[in-house]
Amino acid sequence: MQLRLHGTPGETTATLAALARVLTIRTVSRPYPDRPPSTRHRIYLEVTPRKDTRP
C-alpha cells in the first residue's frame, strides 16, 4: 500500500511514529517541500498491515 503524508515536519514525524505501531513501514521517501510560503511538505510511504495488530 502507498500512503502520502502531507503536513508540517512535526505533524508528519508524529504521524509516521503512530503509523509504525500498526503498519510495517517498508520505505519512506525524502520530504518534498511545498512551494513557499507554505511550511508543509509531503512524505511518501510504502507500508503493509501488521499481522499482530488488533482493532
PDB file of N, CA and C in Angstrom:
ATOM      1  N   MET A   1       0.844  -1.149   0.000  1.00  0.00           N
ATOM      2  CA  MET A   1       0.000   0.000   0.000  1.00  0.00           C
ATOM      3  C   MET A   1       0.899   1.223   0.000  1.00  0.00           C
ATOM      4  N   GLN A   2       0.479   2.283  -0.666  1.00  0.00           N
ATOM      5  CA  GLN A   2       1.217   3.529  -0.684  1.00  0.00           C
ATOM      6  C   GLN A   2       0.410   4.597   0.023  1.00  0.00           C
ATOM      7  N   LEU A   3       1.093   5.375   0.849  1.00  0.00           N
ATOM      8  CA  LEU A   3       0.461   6.467   1.584  1.00  0.00           C
ATOM      9  C   LEU A   3       1.244   7.743   1.347  1.00  0.00           C
ATOM     10  N   ARG A   4       0.557   8.855   1.415  1.00  0.00           N
ATOM     11  CA  ARG A   4       1.218  10.156   1.351  1.00  0.00           C
ATOM     12  C   ARG A   4       0.844  10.924   2.601  1.00  0.00           C
ATOM     13  N   LEU A   5       1.854  11.384   3.328  1.00  0.00           N
ATOM     14  CA  LEU A   5       1.638  12.263   4.479  1.00  0.00           C
ATOM     15  C   LEU A   5       1.902  13.684   4.018  1.00  0.00           C
ATOM     16  N   HIS A   6       1.023  14.594   4.393  1.00  0.00           N
ATOM     17  CA  HIS A   6       1.163  15.991   3.978  1.00  0.00           C
ATOM     18  C   HIS A   6       0.903  16.856   5.196  1.00  0.00           C
ATOM     19  N   GLY A   7       1.901  17.610   5.628  1.00  0.00           N
ATOM     20  CA  GLY A   7       1.739  18.475   6.781  1.00  0.00           C
ATOM     21  C   GLY A   7       3.057  19.137   7.137  1.00  0.00           C
ATOM     22  N   THR A   8       3.096  19.696   8.333  1.00  0.00           N
ATOM     23  CA  THR A   8       4.332  20.308   8.806  1.00  0.00           C
ATOM     24  C   THR A   8       5.314  19.193   9.158  1.00  0.00           C
ATOM     25  N   PRO A   9       6.604  19.505   9.256  1.00  0.00           N
ATOM     26  CA  PRO A   9       7.557  18.466   9.636  1.00  0.00           C
ATOM     27  C   PRO A   9       7.197  17.780  10.965  1.00  0.00           C
ATOM     28  N   GLY A  10       6.747  18.529  11.938  1.00  0.00           N
ATOM     29  CA  GLY A  10       6.350  17.942  13.222  1.00  0.00           C
ATOM     30  C   GLY A  10       5.157  17.013  13.101  1.00  0.00           C
ATOM     31  N   GLU A  11       4.181  17.418  12.304  1.00  0.00           N
ATOM     32  CA  GLU A  11       2.991  16.592  12.109  1.00  0.00           C
ATOM     33  C   GLU A  11       3.325  15.285  11.397  1.00  0.00           C
ATOM     34  N   THR A  12       4.130  15.354  10.357  1.00  0.00           N
ATOM     35  CA  THR A  12       4.448  14.137   9.624  1.00  0.00           C
ATOM     36  C   THR A  12       5.332  13.202  10.443  1.00  0.00           C
ATOM     37  N   THR A  13       6.233  13.752  11.246  1.00  0.00           N
ATOM     38  CA  THR A  13       7.064  12.917  12.114  1.00  0.00           C
ATOM     39  C   THR A  13       6.215  12.191  13.150  1.00  0.00           C
ATOM     40  N   ALA A  14       5.292  12.904  13.783  1.00  0.00           N
ATOM     41  CA  ALA A  14       4.416  12.291  14.787  1.00  0.00           C
ATOM     42  C   ALA A  14       3.500  11.250  14.154  1.00  0.00           C
ATOM     43  N   THR A  15       2.974  11.534  12.979  1.00  0.00           N
ATOM     44  CA  THR A  15       2.085  10.597  12.304  1.00  0.00           C
ATOM     45  C   THR A  15       2.840   9.356  11.850  1.00  0.00           C
ATOM     46  N   LEU A  16       4.047   9.534  11.383  1.00  0.00           N
ATOM     47  CA  LEU A  16       4.871   8.395  10.989  1.00  0.00           C
ATOM     48  C   LEU A  16       5.120   7.472  12.174  1.00  0.00           C
ATOM     49  N   ALA A  17       5.396   8.034  13.342  1.00  0.00           N
ATOM     50  CA  ALA A  17       5.604   7.226  14.549  1.00  0.00           C
ATOM     51  C   ALA A  17       4.334   6.471  14.934  1.00  0.00           C
ATOM     52  N   ALA A  18       3.178   7.126  14.827  1.00  0.00           N
ATOM     53  CA  ALA A  18       1.912   6.476  15.163  1.00  0.00           C
ATOM     54  C   ALA A  18       1.591   5.349  14.170  1.00  0.00           C
ATOM     55  N   LEU A  19       1.835   5.583  12.900  1.00  0.00           N
ATOM     56  CA  LEU A  19       1.572   4.560  11.889  1.00  0.00           C
ATOM     57  C   LEU A  19       2.487   3.347  12.067  1.00  0.00           C
ATOM     58  N   ALA A  20       3.697   3.578  12.530  1.00  0.00           N
ATOM     59  CA  ALA A  20       4.651   2.478  12.719  1.00  0.00           C
ATOM     60  C   ALA A  20       4.177   1.484  13.776  1.00  0.00           C
ATOM     61  N   ARG A  21       3.251   1.898  14.634  1.00  0.00           N
ATOM     62  CA  ARG A  21       2.711   0.983  15.646  1.00  0.00           C
ATOM     63  C   ARG A  21       1.729  -0.019  15.059  1.00  0.00           C
ATOM     64  N   VAL A  22       1.105   0.329  13.924  1.00  0.00           N
ATOM     65  CA  VAL A  22       0.080  -0.551  13.350  1.00  0.00           C
ATOM     66  C   VAL A  22       0.398  -1.041  11.946  1.00  0.00           C
ATOM     67  N   LEU A  23       1.406  -0.458  11.311  1.00  0.00           N
ATOM     68  CA  LEU A  23       1.790  -0.852   9.963  1.00  0.00           C
ATOM     69  C   LEU A  23       3.280  -1.169   9.920  1.00  0.00           C
ATOM     70  N   THR A  24       3.666  -2.045   9.018  1.00  0.00           N
ATOM     71  CA  THR A  24       5.075  -2.271   8.745  1.00  0.00           C
ATOM     72  C   THR A  24       5.465  -1.277   7.665  1.00  0.00           C
ATOM     73  N   ILE A  25       6.382  -0.385   7.978  1.00  0.00           N
ATOM     74  CA  ILE A  25       6.801   0.641   7.034  1.00  0.00           C
ATOM     75  C   ILE A  25       7.999   0.117   6.260  1.00  0.00           C
ATOM     76  N   ARG A  26       7.812  -0.054   4.962  1.00  0.00           N
ATOM     77  CA  ARG A  26       8.852  -0.620   4.094  1.00  0.00           C
ATOM     78  C   ARG A  26       9.819   0.456   3.604  1.00  0.00           C
ATOM     79  N   THR A  27       9.287   1.565   3.117  1.00  0.00           N
ATOM     80  CA  THR A  27      10.138   2.655   2.648  1.00  0.00           C
ATOM     81  C   THR A  27       9.529   3.994   3.021  1.00  0.00           C
ATOM     82  N   VAL A  28      10.395   4.983   3.191  1.00  0.00           N
ATOM     83  CA  VAL A  28       9.992   6.363   3.475  1.00  0.00           C
ATOM     84  C   VAL A  28      10.786   7.248   2.517  1.00  0.00           C
ATOM     85  N   SER A  29      10.086   8.090   1.779  1.00  0.00           N
ATOM     86  CA  SER A  29      10.770   8.985   0.848  1.00  0.00           C
ATOM     87  C   SER A  29      11.392  10.164   1.603  1.00  0.00           C
ATOM     88  N   ARG A  30      12.174  10.909   0.891  1.00  0.00           N
ATOM     89  CA  ARG A  30      12.666  12.154   1.465  1.00  0.00           C
ATOM     90  C   ARG A  30      11.503  13.135   1.511  1.00  0.00           C
ATOM     91  N   PRO A  31      11.572  14.170   2.336  1.00  0.00           N
ATOM     92  CA  PRO A  31      10.500  15.171   2.357  1.00  0.00           C
ATOM     93  C   PRO A  31      10.545  16.040   1.093  1.00  0.00           C
ATOM     94  N   TYR A  32       9.398  16.239   0.495  1.00  0.00           N
ATOM     95  CA  TYR A  32       9.265  17.112  -0.662  1.00  0.00           C
ATOM     96  C   TYR A  32       8.542  18.372  -0.201  1.00  0.00           C
ATOM     97  N   PRO A  33       9.211  19.517  -0.157  1.00  0.00           N
ATOM     98  CA  PRO A  33       8.567  20.732   0.349  1.00  0.00           C
ATOM     99  C   PRO A  33       7.547  21.292  -0.627  1.00  0.00           C
ATOM    100  N   ASP A  34       6.493  21.887  -0.077  1.00  0.00           N
ATOM    101  CA  ASP A  34       5.539  22.632  -0.890  1.00  0.00           C
ATOM    102  C   ASP A  34       6.202  23.937  -1.318  1.00  0.00           C
ATOM    103  N   ARG A  35       5.595  24.587  -2.267  1.00  0.00           N
ATOM    104  CA  ARG A  35       6.118  25.878  -2.708  1.00  0.00           C
ATOM    105  C   ARG A  35       5.957  26.913  -1.605  1.00  0.00           C
ATOM    106  N   PRO A  36       6.927  27.811  -1.479  1.00  0.00           N
ATOM    107  CA  PRO A  36       6.805  28.899  -0.494  1.00  0.00           C
ATOM    108  C   PRO A  36       5.578  29.737  -0.806  1.00  0.00           C
ATOM    109  N   PRO A  37       4.915  30.261   0.170  1.00  0.00           N
ATOM    110  CA  PRO A  37       5.296  30.418   1.572  1.00  0.00           C
ATOM    111  C   PRO A  37       4.841  29.271   2.472  1.00  0.00           C
ATOM    112  N   SER A  38       4.404  28.169   1.909  1.00  0.00           N
ATOM    113  CA  SER A  38       3.926  27.041   2.711  1.00  0.00           C
ATOM    114  C   SER A  38       5.048  26.478   3.576  1.00  0.00           C
ATOM    115  N   THR A  39       4.684  26.002   4.761  1.00  0.00           N
ATOM    116  CA  THR A  39       5.650  25.347   5.651  1.00  0.00           C
ATOM    117  C   THR A  39       5.426  23.838   5.678  1.00  0.00           C
ATOM    118  N   ARG A  40       4.591  23.356   4.794  1.00  0.00           N
ATOM    119  CA  ARG A  40       4.271  21.925   4.752  1.00  0.00           C
ATOM    120  C   ARG A  40       5.154  21.197   3.757  1.00  0.00           C
ATOM    121  N   HIS A  41       5.221  19.882   3.945  1.00  0.00           N
ATOM    122  CA  HIS A  41       5.905  19.040   2.973  1.00  0.00           C
ATOM    123  C   HIS A  41       5.172  17.711   2.859  1.00  0.00           C
ATOM    124  N   ARG A  42       5.610  16.898   1.900  1.00  0.00           N
ATOM    125  CA  ARG A  42       4.998  15.598   1.645  1.00  0.00           C
ATOM    126  C   ARG A  42       6.037  14.516   1.859  1.00  0.00           C
ATOM    127  N   ILE A  43       5.591  13.393   2.408  1.00  0.00           N
ATOM    128  CA  ILE A  43       6.426  12.209   2.544  1.00  0.00           C
ATOM    129  C   ILE A  43       5.603  11.039   2.006  1.00  0.00           C
ATOM    130  N   TYR A  44       6.229  10.221   1.187  1.00  0.00           N
ATOM    131  CA  TYR A  44       5.560   9.065   0.599  1.00  0.00           C
ATOM    132  C   TYR A  44       6.050   7.801   1.296  1.00  0.00           C
ATOM    133  N   LEU A  45       5.110   6.901   1.615  1.00  0.00           N
ATOM    134  CA  LEU A  45       5.419   5.677   2.344  1.00  0.00           C
ATOM    135  C   LEU A  45       4.947   4.459   1.566  1.00  0.00           C
ATOM    136  N   GLU A  46       5.691   3.381   1.686  1.00  0.00           N
ATOM    137  CA  GLU A  46       5.239   2.053   1.243  1.00  0.00           C
ATOM    138  C   GLU A  46       5.046   1.264   2.527  1.00  0.00           C
ATOM    139  N   VAL A  47       3.837   0.761   2.766  1.00  0.00           N
ATOM    140  CA  VAL A  47       3.515   0.078   4.013  1.00  0.00           C
ATOM    141  C   VAL A  47       2.740  -1.205   3.753  1.00  0.00           C
ATOM    142  N   THR A  48       2.742  -2.075   4.753  1.00  0.00           N
ATOM    143  CA  THR A  48       1.886  -3.259   4.749  1.00  0.00           C
ATOM    144  C   THR A  48       1.279  -3.385   6.140  1.00  0.00           C
ATOM    145  N   PRO A  49       0.062  -3.935   6.224  1.00  0.00           N
ATOM    146  CA  PRO A  49      -0.548  -4.130   7.543  1.00  0.00           C
ATOM    147  C   PRO A  49       0.255  -5.151   8.346  1.00  0.00           C
ATOM    148  N   ARG A  50       0.323  -4.925   9.653  1.00  0.00           N
ATOM    149  CA  ARG A  50       0.949  -5.913  10.528  1.00  0.00           C
ATOM    150  C   ARG A  50      -0.049  -7.003  10.835  1.00  0.00           C
ATOM    151  N   LYS A  51       0.447  -8.204  10.994  1.00  0.00           N
ATOM    152  CA  LYS A  51      -0.422  -9.338  11.311  1.00  0.00           C
ATOM    153  C   LYS A  51      -0.799  -9.363  12.787  1.00  0.00           C
ATOM    154  N   ASP A  52       0.029  -8.752  13.647  1.00  0.00           N
ATOM    155  CA  ASP A  52      -0.177  -8.853  15.093  1.00  0.00           C
ATOM    156  C   ASP A  52      -1.019  -7.721  15.674  1.00  0.00           C
ATOM    157  N   THR A  53      -1.599  -6.810  14.879  1.00  0.00           N
ATOM    158  CA  THR A  53      -2.403  -5.731  15.426  1.00  0.00           C
ATOM    159  C   THR A  53      -3.859  -6.135  15.482  1.00  0.00           C
ATOM    160  N   ARG A  54      -4.539  -5.615  16.476  1.00  0.00           N
ATOM    161  CA  ARG A  54      -5.965  -5.879  16.649  1.00  0.00           C
ATOM    162  C   ARG A  54      -6.701  -4.556  16.760  1.00  0.00           C
ATOM    163  N   PRO A  55      -7.896  -4.479  16.190  1.00  0.00           N
ATOM    164  CA  PRO A  55      -8.658  -3.211  16.258  1.00  0.00           C
ATOM    165  C   PRO A  55      -9.026  -2.820  17.671  1.00  0.00           C
TER     166      PRO A  55
END
